[in-house]
N, C-alpha and C. Protein backbone atom coordinates (compact mmCIF):
# COMPACT_ATOMS: atom_id res chain seq x y z
N MET A 1 3.58 -16.36 -7.99
CA MET A 1 3.18 -17.05 -6.79
C MET A 1 2.76 -16.00 -5.75
N THR A 2 1.60 -16.21 -5.16
CA THR A 2 1.11 -15.31 -4.12
C THR A 2 1.10 -16.05 -2.80
N THR A 3 1.57 -15.39 -1.76
CA THR A 3 1.57 -15.97 -0.42
C THR A 3 0.45 -15.34 0.38
N LYS A 4 0.30 -15.78 1.62
CA LYS A 4 -0.68 -15.17 2.52
C LYS A 4 -0.02 -14.08 3.35
N THR A 5 1.03 -13.51 2.81
CA THR A 5 1.70 -12.39 3.46
C THR A 5 0.91 -11.13 3.17
N VAL A 6 0.78 -10.29 4.19
CA VAL A 6 0.09 -9.01 4.08
C VAL A 6 1.12 -7.93 4.39
N ILE A 7 1.16 -6.89 3.58
CA ILE A 7 2.03 -5.75 3.84
C ILE A 7 1.15 -4.57 4.23
N LEU A 8 1.47 -3.97 5.37
CA LEU A 8 0.76 -2.80 5.86
C LEU A 8 1.67 -1.59 5.67
N ILE A 9 1.21 -0.63 4.90
CA ILE A 9 1.98 0.59 4.65
C ILE A 9 1.23 1.75 5.29
N ALA A 10 1.83 2.34 6.31
CA ALA A 10 1.17 3.40 7.08
C ALA A 10 1.81 4.77 6.87
N SER A 11 2.66 4.89 5.87
CA SER A 11 3.32 6.16 5.59
C SER A 11 3.59 6.25 4.10
N ASP A 12 3.73 7.46 3.62
CA ASP A 12 4.09 7.63 2.21
C ASP A 12 5.60 7.64 2.03
N MET A 13 6.32 7.31 3.11
CA MET A 13 7.77 7.20 3.08
C MET A 13 8.18 5.87 3.69
N LEU A 14 9.35 5.40 3.36
CA LEU A 14 9.90 4.19 3.97
C LEU A 14 11.02 4.61 4.91
N GLY A 15 10.95 4.09 6.11
CA GLY A 15 11.96 4.40 7.11
C GLY A 15 11.53 5.55 8.00
N ARG A 16 12.34 5.79 8.99
CA ARG A 16 12.07 6.87 9.92
C ARG A 16 13.15 7.94 9.75
N GLY A 17 12.75 9.14 9.88
CA GLY A 17 13.70 10.23 9.71
C GLY A 17 13.01 11.41 9.08
N GLU A 18 13.73 12.45 8.94
CA GLU A 18 13.14 13.68 8.44
C GLU A 18 13.47 13.95 6.98
N ASN A 19 14.16 13.04 6.33
CA ASN A 19 14.52 13.24 4.94
C ASN A 19 13.40 12.70 4.05
N LYS A 20 12.36 13.52 3.84
CA LYS A 20 11.20 13.09 3.07
C LYS A 20 11.54 12.66 1.65
N PRO A 21 12.40 13.38 0.92
CA PRO A 21 12.74 12.92 -0.44
C PRO A 21 13.36 11.51 -0.44
N LEU A 22 14.22 11.24 0.54
CA LEU A 22 14.83 9.92 0.61
C LEU A 22 13.78 8.87 0.96
N GLY A 23 12.92 9.16 1.93
CA GLY A 23 11.87 8.21 2.31
C GLY A 23 10.92 7.92 1.17
N SER A 24 10.60 8.94 0.38
CA SER A 24 9.73 8.77 -0.78
C SER A 24 10.41 7.91 -1.85
N LEU A 25 11.69 8.17 -2.08
CA LEU A 25 12.46 7.37 -3.03
C LEU A 25 12.51 5.91 -2.59
N LEU A 26 12.69 5.67 -1.30
CA LEU A 26 12.80 4.30 -0.79
C LEU A 26 11.48 3.53 -0.92
N ILE A 27 10.33 4.17 -0.62
CA ILE A 27 9.06 3.44 -0.73
C ILE A 27 8.77 3.14 -2.20
N HIS A 28 9.09 4.07 -3.09
CA HIS A 28 8.92 3.83 -4.52
C HIS A 28 9.81 2.68 -4.98
N SER A 29 11.06 2.69 -4.52
CA SER A 29 12.01 1.63 -4.88
C SER A 29 11.56 0.28 -4.33
N PHE A 30 11.03 0.27 -3.11
CA PHE A 30 10.53 -0.98 -2.52
C PHE A 30 9.42 -1.56 -3.38
N LEU A 31 8.43 -0.75 -3.73
CA LEU A 31 7.30 -1.24 -4.52
C LEU A 31 7.74 -1.67 -5.92
N ASN A 32 8.67 -0.95 -6.51
CA ASN A 32 9.21 -1.31 -7.82
C ASN A 32 9.93 -2.66 -7.73
N THR A 33 10.71 -2.85 -6.69
CA THR A 33 11.45 -4.11 -6.50
C THR A 33 10.48 -5.25 -6.25
N LEU A 34 9.43 -4.99 -5.48
CA LEU A 34 8.43 -6.03 -5.19
C LEU A 34 7.79 -6.55 -6.48
N CYS A 35 7.61 -5.68 -7.45
CA CYS A 35 7.05 -6.08 -8.74
C CYS A 35 7.91 -7.13 -9.44
N ALA A 36 9.21 -7.08 -9.20
CA ALA A 36 10.15 -7.97 -9.88
C ALA A 36 10.21 -9.37 -9.28
N PHE A 37 9.74 -9.53 -8.05
CA PHE A 37 9.79 -10.84 -7.39
C PHE A 37 8.67 -11.74 -7.89
N ASN A 38 8.96 -13.03 -8.00
CA ASN A 38 7.92 -13.99 -8.36
C ASN A 38 6.92 -14.16 -7.23
N GLU A 39 7.42 -14.17 -6.00
CA GLU A 39 6.54 -14.32 -4.84
C GLU A 39 5.94 -12.96 -4.50
N LYS A 40 4.63 -12.92 -4.40
CA LYS A 40 3.92 -11.68 -4.12
C LYS A 40 3.14 -11.81 -2.82
N PRO A 41 2.91 -10.67 -2.15
CA PRO A 41 2.01 -10.71 -1.00
C PRO A 41 0.58 -10.90 -1.48
N ALA A 42 -0.28 -11.37 -0.60
CA ALA A 42 -1.69 -11.50 -0.95
C ALA A 42 -2.34 -10.13 -1.01
N SER A 43 -1.96 -9.26 -0.07
CA SER A 43 -2.58 -7.94 0.03
C SER A 43 -1.56 -6.91 0.46
N ILE A 44 -1.78 -5.69 0.00
CA ILE A 44 -1.06 -4.53 0.52
C ILE A 44 -2.13 -3.57 1.03
N LEU A 45 -2.03 -3.25 2.31
CA LEU A 45 -3.01 -2.39 2.96
C LEU A 45 -2.39 -1.03 3.22
N PHE A 46 -3.15 0.03 2.97
CA PHE A 46 -2.67 1.39 3.16
C PHE A 46 -3.51 2.09 4.21
N MET A 47 -2.83 2.64 5.20
CA MET A 47 -3.49 3.40 6.26
C MET A 47 -2.71 4.68 6.52
N ASN A 48 -3.34 5.58 7.27
CA ASN A 48 -2.74 6.84 7.65
C ASN A 48 -2.18 7.52 6.40
N ASP A 49 -0.99 8.13 6.46
CA ASP A 49 -0.43 8.80 5.30
C ASP A 49 -0.06 7.84 4.17
N GLY A 50 -0.06 6.56 4.43
CA GLY A 50 0.21 5.57 3.39
C GLY A 50 -0.80 5.63 2.26
N VAL A 51 -2.04 6.09 2.56
CA VAL A 51 -3.05 6.16 1.51
C VAL A 51 -2.69 7.16 0.42
N LYS A 52 -1.76 8.06 0.71
CA LYS A 52 -1.31 9.01 -0.31
C LYS A 52 -0.69 8.29 -1.51
N LEU A 53 -0.20 7.08 -1.28
CA LEU A 53 0.45 6.31 -2.35
C LEU A 53 -0.53 5.77 -3.38
N VAL A 54 -1.82 5.67 -3.04
CA VAL A 54 -2.81 5.17 -4.00
C VAL A 54 -3.50 6.31 -4.75
N ALA A 55 -3.14 7.55 -4.43
CA ALA A 55 -3.77 8.72 -5.05
C ALA A 55 -3.18 9.02 -6.42
N GLU A 56 -3.95 9.74 -7.22
CA GLU A 56 -3.60 10.05 -8.61
C GLU A 56 -2.18 10.57 -8.81
N ASP A 57 -1.73 11.45 -7.97
CA ASP A 57 -0.44 12.09 -8.18
C ASP A 57 0.73 11.39 -7.50
N SER A 58 0.51 10.19 -7.02
CA SER A 58 1.56 9.44 -6.33
C SER A 58 2.59 8.88 -7.30
N VAL A 59 3.85 8.89 -6.87
CA VAL A 59 4.92 8.29 -7.70
C VAL A 59 4.80 6.77 -7.75
N ALA A 60 3.97 6.19 -6.88
CA ALA A 60 3.88 4.73 -6.77
C ALA A 60 2.70 4.12 -7.53
N VAL A 61 1.87 4.94 -8.16
CA VAL A 61 0.67 4.42 -8.82
C VAL A 61 1.00 3.36 -9.86
N GLY A 62 2.03 3.58 -10.67
CA GLY A 62 2.40 2.62 -11.71
C GLY A 62 2.75 1.26 -11.13
N GLU A 63 3.56 1.25 -10.09
CA GLU A 63 3.96 -0.01 -9.45
C GLU A 63 2.77 -0.69 -8.80
N LEU A 64 1.91 0.10 -8.16
CA LEU A 64 0.74 -0.49 -7.51
C LEU A 64 -0.24 -1.08 -8.52
N LYS A 65 -0.40 -0.41 -9.66
CA LYS A 65 -1.26 -0.97 -10.72
C LYS A 65 -0.66 -2.27 -11.26
N GLN A 66 0.66 -2.31 -11.37
CA GLN A 66 1.32 -3.53 -11.84
C GLN A 66 1.12 -4.66 -10.83
N LEU A 67 1.29 -4.37 -9.56
CA LEU A 67 1.08 -5.39 -8.52
C LEU A 67 -0.36 -5.87 -8.52
N GLU A 68 -1.29 -4.94 -8.67
CA GLU A 68 -2.71 -5.32 -8.71
C GLU A 68 -2.98 -6.23 -9.91
N ALA A 69 -2.39 -5.93 -11.06
CA ALA A 69 -2.54 -6.76 -12.25
C ALA A 69 -1.93 -8.14 -12.06
N GLN A 70 -0.94 -8.23 -11.16
CA GLN A 70 -0.30 -9.51 -10.86
C GLN A 70 -1.03 -10.27 -9.75
N GLY A 71 -2.20 -9.79 -9.34
CA GLY A 71 -3.03 -10.51 -8.39
C GLY A 71 -2.93 -10.06 -6.94
N VAL A 72 -2.21 -8.98 -6.68
CA VAL A 72 -2.09 -8.48 -5.31
C VAL A 72 -3.29 -7.58 -5.01
N GLU A 73 -3.96 -7.85 -3.91
CA GLU A 73 -5.09 -7.03 -3.49
C GLU A 73 -4.55 -5.73 -2.88
N ILE A 74 -5.04 -4.61 -3.38
CA ILE A 74 -4.62 -3.29 -2.91
C ILE A 74 -5.83 -2.64 -2.24
N LEU A 75 -5.71 -2.36 -0.93
CA LEU A 75 -6.82 -1.78 -0.18
C LEU A 75 -6.36 -0.56 0.60
N ALA A 76 -7.18 0.48 0.58
CA ALA A 76 -6.87 1.71 1.30
C ALA A 76 -7.97 2.03 2.30
N CYS A 77 -7.57 2.51 3.45
CA CYS A 77 -8.47 2.88 4.53
C CYS A 77 -9.36 4.06 4.10
N GLY A 78 -10.66 3.84 4.11
CA GLY A 78 -11.60 4.88 3.70
C GLY A 78 -11.59 6.08 4.63
N THR A 79 -11.48 5.84 5.93
CA THR A 79 -11.43 6.95 6.90
C THR A 79 -10.21 7.82 6.65
N CYS A 80 -9.07 7.18 6.39
CA CYS A 80 -7.82 7.91 6.14
C CYS A 80 -7.94 8.74 4.87
N LEU A 81 -8.49 8.14 3.81
CA LEU A 81 -8.68 8.87 2.55
C LEU A 81 -9.58 10.07 2.76
N SER A 82 -10.64 9.88 3.52
CA SER A 82 -11.58 10.97 3.78
C SER A 82 -10.92 12.10 4.56
N ARG A 83 -10.21 11.77 5.62
CA ARG A 83 -9.55 12.79 6.45
C ARG A 83 -8.49 13.57 5.68
N LEU A 84 -7.84 12.90 4.73
CA LEU A 84 -6.80 13.55 3.92
C LEU A 84 -7.37 14.15 2.62
N GLU A 85 -8.70 14.08 2.49
CA GLU A 85 -9.41 14.60 1.32
C GLU A 85 -8.91 14.00 0.01
N LEU A 86 -8.74 12.67 0.04
CA LEU A 86 -8.24 11.96 -1.14
C LEU A 86 -9.25 10.94 -1.69
N THR A 87 -10.44 10.89 -1.13
CA THR A 87 -11.41 9.87 -1.54
C THR A 87 -11.68 9.90 -3.04
N ASP A 88 -11.77 11.08 -3.61
CA ASP A 88 -12.06 11.21 -5.05
C ASP A 88 -10.83 11.11 -5.92
N LYS A 89 -9.67 10.88 -5.31
CA LYS A 89 -8.42 10.85 -6.07
C LYS A 89 -7.76 9.47 -6.08
N VAL A 90 -8.49 8.44 -5.66
CA VAL A 90 -7.93 7.09 -5.64
C VAL A 90 -7.71 6.61 -7.08
N ALA A 91 -6.47 6.24 -7.38
CA ALA A 91 -6.12 5.83 -8.74
C ALA A 91 -5.89 4.33 -8.87
N VAL A 92 -5.75 3.65 -7.74
CA VAL A 92 -5.48 2.21 -7.78
C VAL A 92 -6.03 1.57 -6.51
N GLY A 93 -6.50 0.34 -6.64
CA GLY A 93 -6.99 -0.39 -5.49
C GLY A 93 -8.43 -0.05 -5.15
N GLN A 94 -8.83 -0.54 -3.99
CA GLN A 94 -10.20 -0.34 -3.52
C GLN A 94 -10.20 0.35 -2.17
N VAL A 95 -11.25 1.11 -1.93
CA VAL A 95 -11.44 1.74 -0.63
C VAL A 95 -12.04 0.70 0.30
N SER A 96 -11.51 0.62 1.51
CA SER A 96 -11.96 -0.39 2.47
C SER A 96 -12.24 0.26 3.82
N ASN A 97 -12.51 -0.58 4.80
CA ASN A 97 -12.80 -0.09 6.15
C ASN A 97 -11.96 -0.84 7.17
N MET A 98 -11.94 -0.36 8.38
CA MET A 98 -11.08 -0.94 9.42
C MET A 98 -11.45 -2.40 9.71
N TYR A 99 -12.72 -2.74 9.65
CA TYR A 99 -13.14 -4.12 9.91
C TYR A 99 -12.47 -5.07 8.90
N ASP A 100 -12.61 -4.74 7.62
CA ASP A 100 -12.03 -5.61 6.59
C ASP A 100 -10.51 -5.63 6.62
N LEU A 101 -9.90 -4.47 6.86
CA LEU A 101 -8.44 -4.41 6.93
C LEU A 101 -7.92 -5.24 8.10
N THR A 102 -8.58 -5.14 9.24
CA THR A 102 -8.19 -5.93 10.41
C THR A 102 -8.38 -7.42 10.14
N ASN A 103 -9.46 -7.78 9.51
CA ASN A 103 -9.75 -9.18 9.19
C ASN A 103 -8.67 -9.76 8.28
N ILE A 104 -8.25 -9.00 7.29
CA ILE A 104 -7.20 -9.46 6.38
C ILE A 104 -5.89 -9.68 7.14
N MET A 105 -5.56 -8.76 8.04
CA MET A 105 -4.32 -8.93 8.82
C MET A 105 -4.39 -10.16 9.71
N LEU A 106 -5.54 -10.40 10.33
CA LEU A 106 -5.67 -11.55 11.23
C LEU A 106 -5.62 -12.88 10.47
N LYS A 107 -6.07 -12.88 9.23
CA LYS A 107 -6.08 -14.12 8.44
C LYS A 107 -4.77 -14.36 7.69
N GLY A 108 -3.91 -13.35 7.65
CA GLY A 108 -2.63 -13.50 6.96
C GLY A 108 -1.68 -14.40 7.75
N ASP A 109 -0.83 -15.11 7.04
CA ASP A 109 0.20 -15.92 7.70
C ASP A 109 1.25 -15.03 8.35
N LYS A 110 1.47 -13.88 7.72
CA LYS A 110 2.50 -12.95 8.18
C LYS A 110 2.08 -11.55 7.77
N VAL A 111 2.27 -10.59 8.69
CA VAL A 111 2.00 -9.18 8.38
C VAL A 111 3.31 -8.41 8.52
N ILE A 112 3.68 -7.74 7.44
CA ILE A 112 4.88 -6.91 7.43
C ILE A 112 4.43 -5.47 7.47
N SER A 113 4.84 -4.73 8.48
CA SER A 113 4.46 -3.34 8.63
C SER A 113 5.61 -2.43 8.23
N LEU A 114 5.36 -1.52 7.30
CA LEU A 114 6.39 -0.58 6.86
C LEU A 114 6.06 0.82 7.38
């Protein structure tokens, strides 16, 4: 089941703090857990350092590919990918732009920002 919920991920870590290994573990665990739920978000949007999660060497690529196969739209900010020099390293999802990302958030029933 897919809802009109949109998840915005703006970091390659979950939570605030300086413990990067813990934050990385938590975002990976969140995405892994999300795969197990019957209810899925309509879209997961990646901006800022969050776009690192869609790159080839990300620990989250497997979970994101699974979510995409389950019908979840995966979109990454093209400007962010370009600034972080990751445009050629996208392993999952589609490259998008701020207009489309904003439009998806405005049309969602609920936006969850991580």
